[in-house]
C-alpha atoms as a PDB file:
ATOM      1  CA  UNK A   1     -23.814   0.763  -2.434  1.00  0.00           C
ATOM      2  CA  UNK A   2     -22.007  -2.553  -2.626  1.00  0.00           C
ATOM      3  CA  UNK A   3     -20.465  -3.095   0.849  1.00  0.00           C
ATOM      4  CA  UNK A   4     -19.954  -6.792   1.705  1.00  0.00           C
ATOM      5  CA  UNK A   5     -20.642  -7.584   5.357  1.00  0.00           C
ATOM      6  CA  UNK A   6     -17.886 -10.218   5.649  1.00  0.00           C
ATOM      7  CA  UNK A   7     -15.019  -7.723   5.934  1.00  0.00           C
ATOM      8  CA  UNK A   8     -13.899  -4.591   7.778  1.00  0.00           C
ATOM      9  CA  UNK A   9     -13.346  -1.107   6.336  1.00  0.00           C
ATOM     10  CA  UNK A  10     -11.166   1.938   6.921  1.00  0.00           C
ATOM     11  CA  UNK A  11     -11.985   5.625   6.669  1.00  0.00           C
ATOM     12  CA  UNK A  12      -9.437   5.714   3.794  1.00  0.00           C
ATOM     13  CA  UNK A  13     -11.657   3.263   1.824  1.00  0.00           C
ATOM     14  CA  UNK A  14      -9.622   0.068   2.102  1.00  0.00           C
ATOM     15  CA  UNK A  15     -11.145  -3.265   3.136  1.00  0.00           C
ATOM     16  CA  UNK A  16      -9.682  -6.308   4.869  1.00  0.00           C
ATOM     17  CA  UNK A  17     -11.161  -9.748   5.379  1.00  0.00           C
ATOM     18  CA  UNK A  18     -10.725 -12.059   8.378  1.00  0.00           C
ATOM     19  CA  UNK A  19      -8.781 -14.798   6.577  1.00  0.00           C
ATOM     20  CA  UNK A  20      -5.228 -15.804   7.472  1.00  0.00           C
ATOM     21  CA  UNK A  21      -3.517 -14.322   5.591  1.00  0.00           C
ATOM     22  CA  UNK A  22      -5.973 -11.450   5.221  1.00  0.00           C
ATOM     23  CA  UNK A  23      -6.806 -10.064   1.801  1.00  0.00           C
ATOM     24  CA  UNK A  24      -6.763  -6.279   1.377  1.00  0.00           C
ATOM     25  CA  UNK A  25      -8.355  -4.151  -1.340  1.00  0.00           C
ATOM     26  CA  UNK A  26     -10.095  -0.861  -2.014  1.00  0.00           C
ATOM     27  CA  UNK A  27     -13.827  -0.391  -1.731  1.00  0.00           C
ATOM     28  CA  UNK A  28     -16.328   0.119  -4.550  1.00  0.00           C
ATOM     29  CA  UNK A  29     -16.725   3.694  -3.285  1.00  0.00           C
ATOM     30  CA  UNK A  30     -12.979   4.296  -3.766  1.00  0.00           C
ATOM     31  CA  UNK A  31     -12.898   2.529  -7.132  1.00  0.00           C
ATOM     32  CA  UNK A  32     -15.759   4.683  -8.400  1.00  0.00           C
ATOM     33  CA  UNK A  33     -14.178   7.887  -7.054  1.00  0.00           C
ATOM     34  CA  UNK A  34     -10.820   7.061  -8.648  1.00  0.00           C
ATOM     35  CA  UNK A  35     -12.153   6.657 -12.159  1.00  0.00           C
ATOM     36  CA  UNK A  36     -10.348   4.362 -14.570  1.00  0.00           C
ATOM     37  CA  UNK A  37      -7.334   2.810 -12.810  1.00  0.00           C
ATOM     38  CA  UNK A  38      -4.315   2.698 -15.138  1.00  0.00           C
ATOM     39  CA  UNK A  39      -1.453   1.696 -12.801  1.00  0.00           C
ATOM     40  CA  UNK A  40      -0.951   0.159  -9.361  1.00  0.00           C
ATOM     41  CA  UNK A  41       2.282   0.333  -7.345  1.00  0.00           C
ATOM     42  CA  UNK A  42       2.295  -2.457  -4.737  1.00  0.00           C
ATOM     43  CA  UNK A  43       4.937  -3.335  -2.115  1.00  0.00           C
ATOM     44  CA  UNK A  44       7.426  -6.168  -2.268  1.00  0.00           C
ATOM     45  CA  UNK A  45       6.445  -9.484  -0.717  1.00  0.00           C
ATOM     46  CA  UNK A  46       8.107  -9.697   2.688  1.00  0.00           C
ATOM     47  CA  UNK A  47       7.690  -6.009   3.525  1.00  0.00           C
ATOM     48  CA  UNK A  48       6.338  -5.256   6.992  1.00  0.00           C
ATOM     49  CA  UNK A  49       3.709  -2.527   7.254  1.00  0.00           C
ATOM     50  CA  UNK A  50       2.181  -0.693  10.200  1.00  0.00           C
ATOM     51  CA  UNK A  51      -1.564  -0.113  10.446  1.00  0.00           C
ATOM     52  CA  UNK A  52      -2.382   3.199   8.765  1.00  0.00           C
ATOM     53  CA  UNK A  53       0.920   3.315   6.827  1.00  0.00           C
ATOM     54  CA  UNK A  54       0.951   3.992   3.095  1.00  0.00           C
ATOM     55  CA  UNK A  55       2.017   0.816   1.306  1.00  0.00           C
ATOM     56  CA  UNK A  56       1.498   1.721  -2.348  1.00  0.00           C
ATOM     57  CA  UNK A  57      -0.325   3.880  -4.858  1.00  0.00           C
ATOM     58  CA  UNK A  58      -3.148   3.653  -7.347  1.00  0.00           C
ATOM     59  CA  UNK A  59      -2.966   5.870 -10.416  1.00  0.00           C
ATOM     60  CA  UNK A  60      -6.115   6.663 -12.344  1.00  0.00           C
ATOM     61  CA  UNK A  61      -7.079   8.986 -15.157  1.00  0.00           C
ATOM     62  CA  UNK A  62      -8.107  11.470 -12.434  1.00  0.00           C
ATOM     63  CA  UNK A  63      -5.361  11.277  -9.780  1.00  0.00           C
ATOM     64  CA  UNK A  64      -2.752   9.322  -7.851  1.00  0.00           C
ATOM     65  CA  UNK A  65      -3.926   8.007  -4.465  1.00  0.00           C
ATOM     66  CA  UNK A  66      -2.009   6.383  -1.633  1.00  0.00           C
ATOM     67  CA  UNK A  67      -3.031   2.958  -0.341  1.00  0.00           C
ATOM     68  CA  UNK A  68      -3.112   2.582   3.446  1.00  0.00           C
ATOM     69  CA  UNK A  69      -2.677  -0.635   5.418  1.00  0.00           C
ATOM     70  CA  UNK A  70      -5.868  -1.468   7.349  1.00  0.00           C
ATOM     71  CA  UNK A  71      -3.752  -3.545   9.759  1.00  0.00           C
ATOM     72  CA  UNK A  72      -0.102  -4.125  10.491  1.00  0.00           C
ATOM     73  CA  UNK A  73       1.829  -7.190   9.437  1.00  0.00           C
ATOM     74  CA  UNK A  74       3.859  -8.815   6.686  1.00  0.00           C
ATOM     75  CA  UNK A  75       2.923  -8.664   3.003  1.00  0.00           C
ATOM     76  CA  UNK A  76       2.861 -12.320   1.918  1.00  0.00           C
ATOM     77  CA  UNK A  77       1.405 -11.904  -1.597  1.00  0.00           C
ATOM     78  CA  UNK A  78       0.589  -9.194  -4.120  1.00  0.00           C
ATOM     79  CA  UNK A  79      -1.969  -9.387  -6.915  1.00  0.00           C
ATOM     80  CA  UNK A  80       0.265  -9.711  -9.977  1.00  0.00           C
ATOM     81  CA  UNK A  81      -2.826  -9.721 -12.229  1.00  0.00           C
ATOM     82  CA  UNK A  82      -3.060  -5.956 -11.618  1.00  0.00           C
ATOM     83  CA  UNK A  83       0.185  -5.447 -13.583  1.00  0.00           C
ATOM     84  CA  UNK A  84      -1.544  -6.564 -16.777  1.00  0.00           C
ATOM     85  CA  UNK A  85      -5.043  -5.326 -15.903  1.00  0.00           C
ATOM     86  CA  UNK A  86      -5.166  -2.584 -13.225  1.00  0.00           C
ATOM     87  CA  UNK A  87      -8.799  -2.005 -14.242  1.00  0.00           C
ATOM     88  CA  UNK A  88      -9.715  -5.080 -12.182  1.00  0.00           C
ATOM     89  CA  UNK A  89      -9.890  -2.629  -9.283  1.00  0.00           C
ATOM     90  CA  UNK A  90     -12.762  -0.868 -11.076  1.00  0.00           C
ATOM     91  CA  UNK A  91     -14.596  -3.955 -12.296  1.00  0.00           C
ATOM     92  CA  UNK A  92     -14.200  -6.251  -9.268  1.00  0.00           C
ATOM     93  CA  UNK A  93     -12.809  -4.409  -6.214  1.00  0.00           C
ATOM     94  CA  UNK A  94     -14.012  -7.093  -3.754  1.00  0.00           C
ATOM     95  CA  UNK A  95     -12.819 -10.037  -5.859  1.00  0.00           C
ATOM     96  CA  UNK A  96     -10.196 -10.201  -8.612  1.00  0.00           C
ATOM     97  CA  UNK A  97      -9.175  -6.586  -7.922  1.00  0.00           C
ATOM     98  CA  UNK A  98      -7.678  -7.365  -4.493  1.00  0.00           C
ATOM     99  CA  UNK A  99      -4.306  -5.735  -3.750  1.00  0.00           C
ATOM    100  CA  UNK A 100      -2.235  -7.682  -1.210  1.00  0.00           C
ATOM    101  CA  UNK A 101      -2.417 -10.526   1.282  1.00  0.00           C
ATOM    102  CA  UNK A 102      -1.245  -9.633   4.762  1.00  0.00           C
ATOM    103  CA  UNK A 103      -0.237 -11.826   7.699  1.00  0.00           C
ATOM    104  CA  UNK A 104      -1.748  -9.609  10.397  1.00  0.00           C
ATOM    105  CA  UNK A 105       0.285  -8.954  13.554  1.00  0.00           C
ATOM    106  CA  UNK A 106      -1.336  -5.668  14.608  1.00  0.00           C
ATOM    107  CA  UNK A 107      -5.025  -4.791  14.257  1.00  0.00           C
ATOM    108  CA  UNK A 108      -5.896  -1.454  12.760  1.00  0.00           C
ATOM    109  CA  UNK A 109      -8.796   0.908  13.238  1.00  0.00           C
ATOM    110  CA  UNK A 110     -11.575  -0.528  11.111  1.00  0.00           C
ATOM    111  CA  UNK A 111     -15.355  -0.430  10.997  1.00  0.00           C
ATOM    112  CA  UNK A 112     -18.090  -2.845  10.023  1.00  0.00           C
ATOM    113  CA  UNK A 113     -20.136  -2.572   6.822  1.00  0.00           C
ATOM    114  CA  UNK A 114     -22.946  -0.561   8.430  1.00  0.00           C
ATOM    115  CA  UNK A 115     -20.533   2.043   9.806  1.00  0.00           C
ATOM    116  CA  UNK A 116     -18.769   2.257   6.441  1.00  0.00           C
ATOM    117  CA  UNK A 117     -22.081   2.738   4.615  1.00  0.00           C
ATOM    118  CA  UNK A 118     -22.895   5.571   7.053  1.00  0.00           C
ATOM    119  CA  UNK A 119     -19.468   7.139   6.403  1.00  0.00           C
ATOM    120  CA  UNK A 120     -19.968   7.148   2.642  1.00  0.00           C
ATOM    121  CA  UNK A 121     -23.666   8.082   2.575  1.00  0.00           C
END
């Protein structure tokens, strides 16, 4: 399974990188489980989130799933490209399918790539 080693993962299948601001997305495992993504509801820029808090939703042909913040902080950008093409989450979850950028003020409970691979095996 495609699990980049340059980021951290949550048990809810979100990823976060170590940049400042950090980029947040969903994992390939989540994208595959969701099926075809048809709509994404993301928060407003400027919103403050707490680690583990739901900050939006992804709607697919199979279900609606909450998105959970892998860390706490302020949303400083959202991926507007997902408005026109929410399927980017399916085709490129670790690249163009990113969700938000977060100025981290509170670390969350995350795991490295090896632990995430073990979780999803």
